[in-house]
Amino acid sequence: MAHQLNDQHSVIKGAPVVKPNDDFFWFSHPKFVLTLLHYTLFMNAFEAAFFVWVTWQYGISSCYHEHTEIIVIRVALA
């Protein structure tokens, strides 16, 4: 948008001169970006919920929680 504003050579104080459009998104498809964000948020929520469910069902000393470093990495990423 800054390049578009630089090409116009006209500035009106207090008025937006740049109009956003779909060309500024990845592959010119904003729905693709939104779908990618939804997928990422779903996977993070699912990972966190699965971790809580396994901990609740089998306890913190189960074989699923055998390695502490893996537990820390999974919780940090989720």
C-alpha atoms as a PDB file:
ATOM      1  CA  MET A   1       0.000   0.000   0.000  1.00  0.00           C
ATOM      2  CA  ALA A   2       2.959   2.309   0.622  1.00  0.00           C
ATOM      3  CA  HIS A   3       4.150   1.842  -2.965  1.00  0.00           C
ATOM      4  CA  GLN A   4       0.666   2.684  -4.219  1.00  0.00           C
ATOM      5  CA  LEU A   5       0.619   5.843  -2.114  1.00  0.00           C
ATOM      6  CA  ASN A   6       4.091   6.823  -3.351  1.00  0.00           C
ATOM      7  CA  ASP A   7       2.938   6.533  -6.994  1.00  0.00           C
ATOM      8  CA  GLN A   8      -0.062   8.867  -6.515  1.00  0.00           C
ATOM      9  CA  HIS A   9       1.770  12.142  -5.721  1.00  0.00           C
ATOM     10  CA  SER A  10      -1.361  13.618  -4.112  1.00  0.00           C
ATOM     11  CA  VAL A  11      -1.901  13.913  -0.407  1.00  0.00           C
ATOM     12  CA  ILE A  12      -5.130  15.079   1.196  1.00  0.00           C
ATOM     13  CA  LYS A  13      -4.807  15.748   4.893  1.00  0.00           C
ATOM     14  CA  GLY A  14      -7.158  13.565   6.933  1.00  0.00           C
ATOM     15  CA  ALA A  15      -8.431  11.479   4.003  1.00  0.00           C
ATOM     16  CA  PRO A  16      -7.337   7.901   3.363  1.00  0.00           C
ATOM     17  CA  VAL A  17      -6.000   7.764  -0.192  1.00  0.00           C
ATOM     18  CA  VAL A  18      -5.065   4.087  -0.259  1.00  0.00           C
ATOM     19  CA  LYS A  19      -7.815   1.567  -0.856  1.00  0.00           C
ATOM     20  CA  PRO A  20      -7.093  -1.957   0.423  1.00  0.00           C
ATOM     21  CA  ASN A  21      -7.739  -4.786  -2.005  1.00  0.00           C
ATOM     22  CA  ASP A  22      -7.191  -8.529  -2.296  1.00  0.00           C
ATOM     23  CA  ASP A  23      -3.850  -8.133  -4.075  1.00  0.00           C
ATOM     24  CA  PHE A  24      -2.104  -7.509  -0.744  1.00  0.00           C
ATOM     25  CA  PHE A  25      -2.889 -11.020   0.597  1.00  0.00           C
ATOM     26  CA  TRP A  26      -0.982 -14.230  -0.071  1.00  0.00           C
ATOM     27  CA  PHE A  27      -1.784 -15.493  -3.547  1.00  0.00           C
ATOM     28  CA  SER A  28      -4.393 -12.690  -3.809  1.00  0.00           C
ATOM     29  CA  HIS A  29      -6.868 -14.867  -1.882  1.00  0.00           C
ATOM     30  CA  PRO A  30      -7.826 -13.531   1.566  1.00  0.00           C
ATOM     31  CA  LYS A  31     -10.133 -16.533   2.148  1.00  0.00           C
ATOM     32  CA  PHE A  32      -7.088 -18.812   1.879  1.00  0.00           C
ATOM     33  CA  VAL A  33      -5.315 -16.824   4.609  1.00  0.00           C
ATOM     34  CA  LEU A  34      -8.434 -16.933   6.790  1.00  0.00           C
ATOM     35  CA  THR A  35      -8.763 -20.703   6.292  1.00  0.00           C
ATOM     36  CA  LEU A  36      -5.102 -21.169   7.172  1.00  0.00           C
ATOM     37  CA  LEU A  37      -5.547 -19.135  10.359  1.00  0.00           C
ATOM     38  CA  HIS A  38      -8.658 -21.121  11.324  1.00  0.00           C
ATOM     39  CA  TYR A  39      -6.818 -24.399  10.770  1.00  0.00           C
ATOM     40  CA  THR A  40      -3.872 -23.258  12.896  1.00  0.00           C
ATOM     41  CA  LEU A  41      -6.115 -22.094  15.738  1.00  0.00           C
ATOM     42  CA  PHE A  42      -8.083 -25.357  15.624  1.00  0.00           C
ATOM     43  CA  MET A  43      -4.934 -27.488  15.764  1.00  0.00           C
ATOM     44  CA  ASN A  44      -3.570 -25.486  18.713  1.00  0.00           C
ATOM     45  CA  ALA A  45      -6.851 -25.788  20.611  1.00  0.00           C
ATOM     46  CA  PHE A  46      -7.089 -29.498  19.815  1.00  0.00           C
ATOM     47  CA  GLU A  47      -3.525 -30.144  21.020  1.00  0.00           C
ATOM     48  CA  ALA A  48      -4.142 -28.269  24.276  1.00  0.00           C
ATOM     49  CA  ALA A  49      -7.473 -30.047  24.872  1.00  0.00           C
ATOM     50  CA  PHE A  50      -5.940 -33.458  24.100  1.00  0.00           C
ATOM     51  CA  PHE A  51      -3.104 -32.802  26.553  1.00  0.00           C
ATOM     52  CA  VAL A  52      -5.572 -31.844  29.288  1.00  0.00           C
ATOM     53  CA  TRP A  53      -7.788 -34.857  28.533  1.00  0.00           C
ATOM     54  CA  VAL A  54      -4.896 -37.359  28.648  1.00  0.00           C
ATOM     55  CA  THR A  55      -3.619 -35.830  31.876  1.00  0.00           C
ATOM     56  CA  TRP A  56      -7.093 -36.001  33.408  1.00  0.00           C
ATOM     57  CA  GLN A  57      -7.785 -39.582  32.281  1.00  0.00           C
ATOM     58  CA  TYR A  58      -4.423 -41.243  32.935  1.00  0.00           C
ATOM     59  CA  GLY A  59      -2.606 -38.865  35.288  1.00  0.00           C
ATOM     60  CA  ILE A  60       0.648 -37.019  34.977  1.00  0.00           C
ATOM     61  CA  SER A  61       2.711 -40.176  35.625  1.00  0.00           C
ATOM     62  CA  SER A  62       1.345 -42.154  32.647  1.00  0.00           C
ATOM     63  CA  CYS A  63       3.456 -43.409  29.756  1.00  0.00           C
ATOM     64  CA  TYR A  64       2.164 -40.520  27.645  1.00  0.00           C
ATOM     65  CA  HIS A  65       3.990 -38.114  29.969  1.00  0.00           C
ATOM     66  CA  GLU A  66       7.163 -40.199  30.183  1.00  0.00           C
ATOM     67  CA  HIS A  67       9.635 -37.574  28.901  1.00  0.00           C
ATOM     68  CA  THR A  68       9.506 -34.168  30.582  1.00  0.00           C
ATOM     69  CA  GLU A  69      11.151 -32.312  27.687  1.00  0.00           C
ATOM     70  CA  ILE A  70       8.481 -33.560  25.272  1.00  0.00           C
ATOM     71  CA  ILE A  71       5.742 -32.407  27.674  1.00  0.00           C
ATOM     72  CA  VAL A  72       7.284 -28.926  27.884  1.00  0.00           C
ATOM     73  CA  ILE A  73       7.644 -28.665  24.093  1.00  0.00           C
ATOM     74  CA  ARG A  74       4.043 -29.792  23.429  1.00  0.00           C
ATOM     75  CA  VAL A  75       2.577 -27.389  26.005  1.00  0.00           C
ATOM     76  CA  ALA A  76       4.731 -24.504  24.755  1.00  0.00           C
ATOM     77  CA  LEU A  77       3.750 -25.081  21.130  1.00  0.00           C
ATOM     78  CA  ALA A  78       0.059 -25.477  21.943  1.00  0.00           C
END
